[in-house]
Amino acid sequence: MHWDTMATTTELKEETIKVGSGTVRKRYKKNGKPSFQARFRKNGVNVSDTFTELKQAKAFIIEAESNVIQGKPVTSPKLKKTDVGVILQEFIENNKLPDLQKKRIQRTIKELTGFPLENFRTKAFQKYIDTKLAQDIPEQKNKKKSHKNFNGGMIENEKGELVRRKYAPSTVRKIYYDLRVAFQWHSKVNDYHFDSKPFDDVKAPPAWSRPRERRLEEGELEKLLKACDSLRVNVEETKILLHFLIYSAFRIGETFLIKFKDIRLNEENPEESYIFIPKENQKIADKKGAKDRYANIRPELYALIKEKIMPWKIKPNDIVFSMWSGPAYFYTRLKTICKSAEIKNLTDHDLRHEGCSYFFENTMLSDIEISNITGHLDLKTLRRYANLRPHKTGIKLWTSIANM
């Protein structure tokens, strides 16, 4: 008689059989019925499951070993049934994440709760990404009324009609990588192989679908400065900040982290002056190649700092632009200024575009030298910001020839 049928209700012994690189252990329940626990360990893969029949347990081990040999993922059947919403919830509870990412994942949890991991295949994932790209951004549930300076998620279409915005490819791209990182984390903490196939097969949406080319038009800076006079507070400080953002070509986030001690002015040799931007203060801090930045400053910025900004200094560790709580608050102020100035479709990042373009139009700096000032890691991105005006390029061309 075979070992799996030997036991009787009077003799309930645990027995083990070797199957390839795994084992099957026969156990008995309280009612005397047998169960078969299959366990497989090989090349870092450690999975197990319990079955009611021996042939099922053997098949589980044989399939697991075959997948390891072929380089395919091996996942416990129990883990395969894990709800994707549960995985994402555990991920945000056990990892320190930025608030924006946490809120984004919480919205994804609502969408994917009830969807088991085993159904997260290429076809389903592609459908989810396509759906997100075509989806309108929903209106805020607790919204009481629209702000006069914001369209509340609306945008003008080609007919001039206000319609709801759709999720930008860059936003869906973030969701794509949220899922990938969360699944990788879950596989690591639960000791199973991460199935990268859906992510290998489904292409991540682009970071930029239609790169912005907006920069200041003739007379717009003057309009912005004049509109600042209608502000209730920080009138002169706002004008100074606008000039600073244009002259420096810095990101708004890193600008609001600059301390007085980071500004290194050399009065004997002004051209050697620079602003120190620590790696951790930069948006690209976690990317390969990111490093501390020593950004040289153009003459107009040197004069602005020396004459207007340094008089604010009290302590070296004080934040320079401490008049605002942060970039998000200044963004709302800029909206107010643009509305007063009757300027449309201008963001704080467009001021950075203006600053970057200046270096291309008015200096002989190389791409790498400009990137050392602006903090771009990808020179292709930097060149995209260089929305050059033809007449400026022509002047530079003729001047360079005349000086030969």
Protein backbone atom coordinates (compact mmCIF):
# COMPACT_ATOMS: atom_id res chain seq x y z
CA MET A 1 0.00 0.00 0.00
CA HIS A 2 1.31 3.49 -0.91
CA TRP A 3 2.34 5.83 1.88
CA ASP A 4 -0.49 8.29 1.17
CA THR A 5 -3.15 5.64 1.87
CA MET A 6 -1.49 3.78 4.76
CA ALA A 7 -2.76 5.87 7.65
CA THR A 8 -5.93 4.96 9.47
CA THR A 9 -8.00 6.78 12.00
CA THR A 10 -6.06 4.99 14.70
CA GLU A 11 -2.62 5.82 13.31
CA LEU A 12 -2.33 9.38 12.04
CA LYS A 13 1.35 9.95 11.36
CA GLU A 14 2.92 12.86 9.46
CA GLU A 15 4.90 11.63 6.48
CA THR A 16 7.17 13.42 3.99
CA ILE A 17 8.06 12.63 0.40
CA LYS A 18 10.71 14.28 -1.78
CA VAL A 19 9.50 15.68 -5.14
CA GLY A 20 12.25 17.28 -7.23
CA SER A 21 13.57 20.27 -5.29
CA GLY A 22 10.52 20.28 -3.04
CA THR A 23 8.78 18.20 -0.44
CA VAL A 24 5.21 17.10 0.24
CA ARG A 25 4.19 16.59 3.85
CA LYS A 26 1.08 14.55 4.56
CA ARG A 27 -0.88 15.70 7.59
CA TYR A 28 -4.23 14.77 9.07
CA LYS A 29 -7.03 17.06 10.10
CA LYS A 30 -9.05 16.52 13.26
CA ASN A 31 -11.72 14.71 11.26
CA GLY A 32 -9.13 12.22 10.04
CA LYS A 33 -8.99 13.50 6.46
CA PRO A 34 -5.51 14.00 4.97
CA SER A 35 -4.01 17.22 3.62
CA PHE A 36 -0.82 17.62 1.59
CA GLN A 37 1.48 20.56 2.22
CA ALA A 38 3.79 21.23 -0.75
CA ARG A 39 6.92 23.31 -0.19
CA PHE A 40 9.42 24.37 -2.83
CA ARG A 41 12.77 26.11 -2.29
CA LYS A 42 15.32 26.86 -4.98
CA ASN A 43 17.43 29.81 -6.18
CA GLY A 44 15.90 32.18 -3.64
CA VAL A 45 12.33 31.09 -4.39
CA ASN A 46 10.40 29.89 -1.35
CA VAL A 47 6.72 28.99 -1.86
CA SER A 48 4.28 26.60 -0.26
CA ASP A 49 0.62 25.63 -0.42
CA THR A 50 -1.73 22.98 0.95
CA PHE A 51 -3.88 20.63 -1.14
CA THR A 52 -6.46 17.90 -0.57
CA GLU A 53 -4.83 15.48 -3.02
CA LEU A 54 -1.25 14.28 -3.43
CA LYS A 55 -1.26 14.75 -7.20
CA GLN A 56 -2.15 18.42 -6.77
CA ALA A 57 0.76 18.94 -4.37
CA LYS A 58 3.18 17.20 -6.74
CA ALA A 59 1.92 19.26 -9.69
CA PHE A 60 2.49 22.45 -7.70
CA ILE A 61 6.16 21.58 -7.06
CA ILE A 62 6.78 20.42 -10.63
CA GLU A 63 5.30 23.65 -12.03
CA ALA A 64 7.33 25.80 -9.60
CA GLU A 65 10.58 24.05 -10.54
CA SER A 66 9.80 24.36 -14.24
CA ASN A 67 9.17 28.10 -13.87
CA VAL A 68 12.47 28.61 -12.02
CA ILE A 69 14.39 26.76 -14.74
CA GLN A 70 12.71 28.87 -17.45
CA GLY A 71 13.19 32.11 -15.50
CA LYS A 72 9.48 32.62 -14.99
CA PRO A 73 8.01 34.10 -11.78
CA VAL A 74 6.87 31.78 -9.00
CA THR A 75 4.18 33.02 -6.65
CA SER A 76 2.25 31.29 -3.91
CA PRO A 77 -1.40 30.66 -4.89
CA LYS A 78 -2.49 32.39 -1.68
CA LEU A 79 -0.47 35.50 -2.52
CA LYS A 80 -1.81 35.48 -6.06
CA LYS A 81 -5.27 36.05 -4.62
CA THR A 82 -4.11 39.08 -2.62
CA ASP A 83 -6.19 42.16 -3.37
CA VAL A 84 -4.20 44.85 -5.23
CA GLY A 85 -5.87 47.43 -3.00
CA VAL A 86 -4.52 45.60 0.07
CA ILE A 87 -1.00 45.55 -1.41
CA LEU A 88 -1.10 49.30 -2.04
CA GLN A 89 -2.51 50.01 1.43
CA GLU A 90 0.24 47.97 3.09
CA PHE A 91 2.80 49.77 0.94
CA ILE A 92 1.80 53.26 2.10
CA GLU A 93 1.46 52.12 5.72
CA ASN A 94 4.95 50.61 5.83
CA ASN A 95 6.88 53.19 3.81
CA LYS A 96 7.53 56.89 4.30
CA LEU A 97 6.17 58.58 1.18
CA PRO A 98 5.70 62.20 0.09
CA ASP A 99 2.18 63.45 0.77
CA LEU A 100 1.36 63.88 -2.92
CA GLN A 101 2.40 60.31 -3.73
CA LYS A 102 0.49 58.96 -0.75
CA LYS A 103 -2.71 60.74 -1.81
CA ARG A 104 -2.26 59.55 -5.38
CA ILE A 105 -1.90 55.92 -4.25
CA GLN A 106 -4.95 56.27 -2.00
CA ARG A 107 -6.99 57.24 -5.07
CA THR A 108 -5.58 54.23 -6.93
CA ILE A 109 -6.58 51.98 -4.02
CA LYS A 110 -10.22 53.00 -4.49
CA GLU A 111 -10.01 52.04 -8.16
CA LEU A 112 -8.23 48.70 -7.77
CA THR A 113 -9.73 47.34 -4.54
CA GLY A 114 -11.34 43.98 -5.32
CA PHE A 115 -8.88 43.24 -8.13
CA PRO A 116 -6.71 40.17 -7.29
CA LEU A 117 -3.00 40.13 -8.04
CA GLU A 118 -3.37 36.99 -10.18
CA ASN A 119 -5.52 38.97 -12.64
CA PHE A 120 -2.92 41.71 -13.00
CA ARG A 121 -1.76 40.61 -16.44
CA THR A 122 -0.56 42.49 -19.49
CA LYS A 123 -3.99 42.82 -21.11
CA ALA A 124 -5.68 44.07 -17.93
CA PHE A 125 -2.83 46.46 -17.13
CA GLN A 126 -2.86 47.92 -20.65
CA LYS A 127 -6.61 48.46 -20.41
CA TYR A 128 -6.21 50.22 -17.05
CA ILE A 129 -3.50 52.58 -18.38
CA ASP A 130 -5.53 53.35 -21.53
CA THR A 131 -8.60 54.06 -19.39
CA LYS A 132 -6.68 56.47 -17.17
CA LEU A 133 -5.29 58.35 -20.17
CA ALA A 134 -8.82 58.85 -21.53
CA GLN A 135 -10.41 59.64 -18.15
CA ASP A 136 -11.65 63.08 -17.12
CA ILE A 137 -10.25 64.41 -13.86
CA PRO A 138 -13.19 64.22 -11.43
CA GLU A 139 -14.35 67.29 -9.58
CA GLN A 140 -13.43 67.49 -5.89
CA LYS A 141 -16.22 66.01 -3.77
CA ASN A 142 -16.00 68.57 -0.97
CA LYS A 143 -15.63 71.53 -3.29
CA LYS A 144 -17.95 74.37 -2.24
CA LYS A 145 -17.31 76.90 -5.01
CA SER A 146 -14.84 77.66 -7.76
CA HIS A 147 -11.94 80.04 -7.15
CA LYS A 148 -11.99 83.11 -9.36
CA ASN A 149 -8.40 82.49 -10.49
CA PHE A 150 -8.77 78.77 -11.22
CA ASN A 151 -10.96 76.93 -13.73
CA GLY A 152 -11.53 74.00 -11.38
CA GLY A 153 -10.13 71.31 -13.62
CA MET A 154 -11.63 72.82 -16.78
CA ILE A 155 -9.82 73.72 -19.99
CA GLU A 156 -10.80 75.41 -23.24
CA ASN A 157 -11.17 73.08 -26.22
CA GLU A 158 -10.62 74.02 -29.86
CA LYS A 159 -14.11 75.54 -30.01
CA GLY A 160 -13.41 77.74 -27.00
CA GLU A 161 -15.71 75.69 -24.79
CA LEU A 162 -14.80 74.82 -21.21
CA VAL A 163 -14.46 71.04 -20.80
CA ARG A 164 -13.01 68.91 -18.02
CA ARG A 165 -9.30 68.19 -18.12
CA LYS A 166 -8.10 64.65 -18.71
CA TYR A 167 -5.29 63.04 -16.76
CA ALA A 168 -1.95 64.08 -18.23
CA PRO A 169 0.33 61.27 -19.44
CA SER A 170 2.87 62.40 -16.83
CA THR A 171 0.30 61.79 -14.07
CA VAL A 172 -0.59 58.33 -15.39
CA ARG A 173 3.14 57.62 -15.64
CA LYS A 174 3.44 58.26 -11.89
CA ILE A 175 0.58 55.82 -11.22
CA TYR A 176 2.34 53.26 -13.44
CA TYR A 177 5.51 53.46 -11.35
CA ASP A 178 3.57 53.58 -8.07
CA LEU A 179 2.17 50.15 -8.94
CA ARG A 180 5.53 48.77 -10.03
CA VAL A 181 7.34 49.91 -6.89
CA ALA A 182 4.51 48.71 -4.61
CA PHE A 183 4.47 45.25 -6.23
CA GLN A 184 8.25 44.97 -6.00
CA TRP A 185 8.11 45.89 -2.31
CA HIS A 186 5.32 43.38 -1.63
CA SER A 187 7.20 40.55 -3.37
CA LYS A 188 10.33 41.33 -1.37
CA VAL A 189 8.68 41.38 2.06
CA ASN A 190 6.62 38.27 1.28
CA ASP A 191 9.51 36.34 -0.25
CA TYR A 192 8.15 35.66 -3.72
CA HIS A 193 9.32 36.47 -7.26
CA PHE A 194 8.19 39.83 -8.68
CA ASP A 195 6.39 39.34 -12.00
CA SER A 196 7.70 42.16 -14.18
CA LYS A 197 6.03 40.93 -17.37
CA PRO A 198 3.04 43.33 -17.33
CA PHE A 199 5.42 46.26 -16.86
CA ASP A 200 7.82 44.95 -19.50
CA ASP A 201 4.96 44.58 -21.98
CA VAL A 202 3.07 47.80 -21.22
CA LYS A 203 4.98 50.97 -22.02
CA ALA A 204 4.95 53.73 -19.41
CA PRO A 205 3.23 56.92 -20.63
CA PRO A 206 5.66 59.73 -21.53
CA ALA A 207 6.79 62.22 -18.91
CA TRP A 208 6.02 65.00 -21.37
CA SER A 209 3.33 64.54 -24.00
CA ARG A 210 3.53 68.05 -25.38
CA PRO A 211 6.48 69.91 -23.85
CA ARG A 212 5.62 73.49 -22.94
CA GLU A 213 7.35 76.16 -24.96
CA ARG A 214 5.77 79.10 -23.15
CA ARG A 215 8.05 81.93 -22.16
CA LEU A 216 7.55 85.64 -21.58
CA GLU A 217 6.37 87.66 -24.54
CA GLU A 218 7.36 91.26 -25.17
CA GLY A 219 6.00 93.50 -22.40
CA GLU A 220 4.66 90.68 -20.19
CA LEU A 221 7.25 91.14 -17.44
CA GLU A 222 6.31 94.80 -17.15
CA LYS A 223 2.63 93.82 -16.91
CA LEU A 224 3.41 91.29 -14.17
CA LEU A 225 5.39 93.81 -12.15
CA LYS A 226 2.64 96.41 -12.48
CA ALA A 227 0.03 93.86 -11.41
CA CYS A 228 2.03 93.18 -8.24
CA ASP A 229 0.99 96.64 -7.03
CA SER A 230 -2.54 95.31 -6.55
CA LEU A 231 -1.36 92.75 -3.98
CA ARG A 232 -2.18 93.41 -0.33
CA VAL A 233 1.15 92.19 1.07
CA ASN A 234 4.70 91.44 -0.10
CA VAL A 235 4.45 93.74 -3.11
CA GLU A 236 8.17 94.52 -3.51
CA GLU A 237 9.19 91.04 -2.36
CA THR A 238 7.03 89.51 -5.09
CA LYS A 239 8.63 91.69 -7.75
CA ILE A 240 12.07 90.66 -6.51
CA LEU A 241 11.12 86.96 -6.57
CA LEU A 242 9.82 87.23 -10.14
CA HIS A 243 13.12 88.78 -11.22
CA PHE A 244 15.06 86.14 -9.27
CA LEU A 245 13.26 83.24 -10.95
CA ILE A 246 13.88 84.69 -14.41
CA TYR A 247 17.52 85.65 -13.81
CA SER A 248 18.49 82.39 -12.09
CA ALA A 249 16.48 79.84 -14.16
CA PHE A 250 16.13 77.86 -10.91
CA ARG A 251 13.24 75.56 -10.06
CA ILE A 252 10.64 77.12 -7.80
CA GLY A 253 11.03 74.36 -5.18
CA GLU A 254 14.78 74.72 -4.74
CA THR A 255 14.45 78.52 -4.77
CA PHE A 256 12.27 78.40 -1.67
CA LEU A 257 14.93 76.38 0.16
CA ILE A 258 17.84 78.77 -0.46
CA LYS A 259 19.39 80.14 2.73
CA PHE A 260 21.46 83.31 3.00
CA LYS A 261 24.56 81.23 3.73
CA ASP A 262 24.09 79.52 0.34
CA ILE A 263 24.60 82.81 -1.49
CA ARG A 264 28.32 83.34 -2.08
CA LEU A 265 28.99 86.86 -3.37
CA ASN A 266 32.53 87.86 -4.33
CA GLU A 267 32.60 91.65 -4.47
CA GLU A 268 36.21 91.82 -5.71
CA ASN A 269 35.47 89.36 -8.53
CA PRO A 270 31.68 89.36 -9.03
CA GLU A 271 31.94 86.89 -11.91
CA GLU A 272 33.08 84.26 -9.40
CA SER A 273 29.90 84.61 -7.33
CA TYR A 274 27.54 81.65 -7.12
CA ILE A 275 24.60 80.13 -5.25
CA PHE A 276 25.00 76.73 -3.61
CA ILE A 277 22.11 74.31 -4.19
CA PRO A 278 22.53 71.09 -2.12
CA LYS A 279 21.65 67.86 -3.88
CA GLU A 280 18.88 67.06 -1.38
CA ASN A 281 17.10 70.35 -2.22
CA GLN A 282 16.85 69.52 -5.91
CA LYS A 283 13.92 67.82 -7.63
CA ILE A 284 16.36 65.38 -9.27
CA ALA A 285 17.99 64.39 -5.94
CA ASP A 286 17.15 60.68 -6.30
CA LYS A 287 18.28 60.39 -9.92
CA LYS A 288 21.57 58.98 -11.13
CA GLY A 289 24.14 61.72 -11.64
CA ALA A 290 22.53 64.20 -9.25
CA LYS A 291 25.00 66.23 -7.21
CA ASP A 292 25.43 69.46 -5.28
CA ARG A 293 25.21 72.46 -7.59
CA TYR A 294 27.35 75.58 -7.62
CA ALA A 295 25.31 77.86 -9.86
CA ASN A 296 27.06 80.90 -11.26
CA ILE A 297 24.93 84.03 -11.50
CA ARG A 298 24.49 86.57 -14.29
CA PRO A 299 25.22 90.29 -13.65
CA GLU A 300 21.55 91.24 -13.22
CA LEU A 301 21.08 88.58 -10.55
CA TYR A 302 24.25 89.65 -8.76
CA ALA A 303 22.97 93.24 -8.58
CA LEU A 304 19.51 92.11 -7.46
CA ILE A 305 20.93 90.00 -4.64
CA LYS A 306 23.41 92.61 -3.45
CA GLU A 307 21.06 95.59 -3.56
CA LYS A 308 17.65 94.10 -2.79
CA ILE A 309 17.96 90.67 -1.16
CA MET A 310 20.98 90.81 1.16
CA PRO A 311 19.47 93.68 3.22
CA TRP A 312 16.84 91.14 4.37
CA LYS A 313 19.52 89.01 6.00
CA ILE A 314 19.35 88.55 9.78
CA LYS A 315 20.91 85.10 10.31
CA PRO A 316 22.94 82.98 7.86
CA ASN A 317 20.57 80.01 8.27
CA ASP A 318 17.45 82.03 7.50
CA ILE A 319 15.48 81.11 4.38
CA VAL A 320 15.77 83.91 1.80
CA PHE A 321 12.19 83.84 0.52
CA SER A 322 10.48 83.17 3.84
CA MET A 323 7.59 85.56 3.11
CA TRP A 324 5.59 82.67 1.60
CA SER A 325 4.80 79.30 3.13
CA GLY A 326 6.10 77.51 0.06
CA PRO A 327 5.94 77.10 -3.72
CA ALA A 328 2.27 76.06 -3.72
CA TYR A 329 1.21 79.29 -2.01
CA PHE A 330 3.28 81.43 -4.39
CA TYR A 331 1.68 79.57 -7.30
CA THR A 332 -1.73 80.87 -6.21
CA ARG A 333 -0.27 84.39 -5.89
CA LEU A 334 1.09 84.17 -9.42
CA LYS A 335 -2.36 83.17 -10.65
CA THR A 336 -3.76 86.33 -9.06
CA ILE A 337 -1.02 88.45 -10.62
CA CYS A 338 -1.57 86.94 -14.08
CA LYS A 339 -5.31 87.56 -13.86
CA SER A 340 -4.73 91.20 -12.91
CA ALA A 341 -2.19 91.55 -15.73
CA GLU A 342 -4.56 89.82 -18.20
CA ILE A 343 -1.86 87.26 -19.03
CA LYS A 344 -3.02 83.74 -19.87
CA ASN A 345 -1.37 80.33 -19.68
CA LEU A 346 1.70 81.36 -17.68
CA THR A 347 3.16 79.27 -14.84
CA ASP A 348 6.09 79.74 -12.50
CA HIS A 349 7.97 77.07 -14.47
CA ASP A 350 7.67 79.19 -17.61
CA LEU A 351 9.83 81.78 -15.87
CA ARG A 352 12.50 79.07 -15.69
CA HIS A 353 12.06 78.56 -19.45
CA GLU A 354 12.70 82.26 -19.93
CA GLY A 355 15.87 82.08 -17.85
CA CYS A 356 17.18 79.01 -19.71
CA SER A 357 16.53 80.59 -23.10
CA TYR A 358 18.47 83.69 -22.05
CA PHE A 359 21.65 81.65 -21.61
CA PHE A 360 21.32 80.23 -25.13
CA GLU A 361 20.46 83.56 -26.75
CA ASN A 362 22.84 85.91 -24.98
CA THR A 363 25.89 83.92 -23.87
CA MET A 364 28.52 81.64 -25.37
CA LEU A 365 28.09 79.02 -22.65
CA SER A 366 28.04 75.37 -23.70
CA ASP A 367 25.08 73.08 -22.93
CA ILE A 368 26.99 71.48 -20.06
CA GLU A 369 27.92 74.86 -18.58
CA ILE A 370 24.29 75.98 -18.74
CA SER A 371 23.16 72.73 -17.12
CA ASN A 372 25.55 73.39 -14.22
CA ILE A 373 23.57 76.55 -13.55
CA THR A 374 20.05 75.26 -14.18
CA GLY A 375 20.49 71.76 -12.75
CA HIS A 376 19.39 69.74 -15.78
CA LEU A 377 20.72 66.18 -15.89
CA ASP A 378 19.37 65.46 -19.36
CA LEU A 379 20.75 67.83 -21.99
CA LYS A 380 17.86 66.91 -24.30
CA THR A 381 15.48 68.38 -21.74
CA LEU A 382 17.63 71.49 -21.47
CA ARG A 383 17.56 72.02 -25.24
CA ARG A 384 13.78 71.65 -25.20
CA TYR A 385 13.65 74.60 -22.83
CA ALA A 386 15.71 76.65 -25.26
CA ASN A 387 12.75 78.10 -27.15
CA LEU A 388 14.89 80.59 -29.04
CA ARG A 389 13.57 83.70 -30.74
CA PRO A 390 14.91 84.03 -34.32
CA HIS A 391 15.72 87.74 -34.07
CA LYS A 392 17.76 87.13 -30.90
CA THR A 393 19.74 84.38 -32.61
CA GLY A 394 20.31 86.66 -35.60
CA ILE A 395 21.68 89.45 -33.41
CA LYS A 396 24.01 87.01 -31.68
CA LEU A 397 25.19 85.69 -35.05
CA TRP A 398 25.97 89.11 -36.49
CA THR A 399 27.65 90.30 -33.29
CA SER A 400 29.91 87.23 -33.14
CA ILE A 401 30.94 87.74 -36.78
CA ALA A 402 31.63 91.44 -36.23
CA ASN A 403 33.91 90.63 -33.30
CA MET A 404 36.00 88.12 -35.25
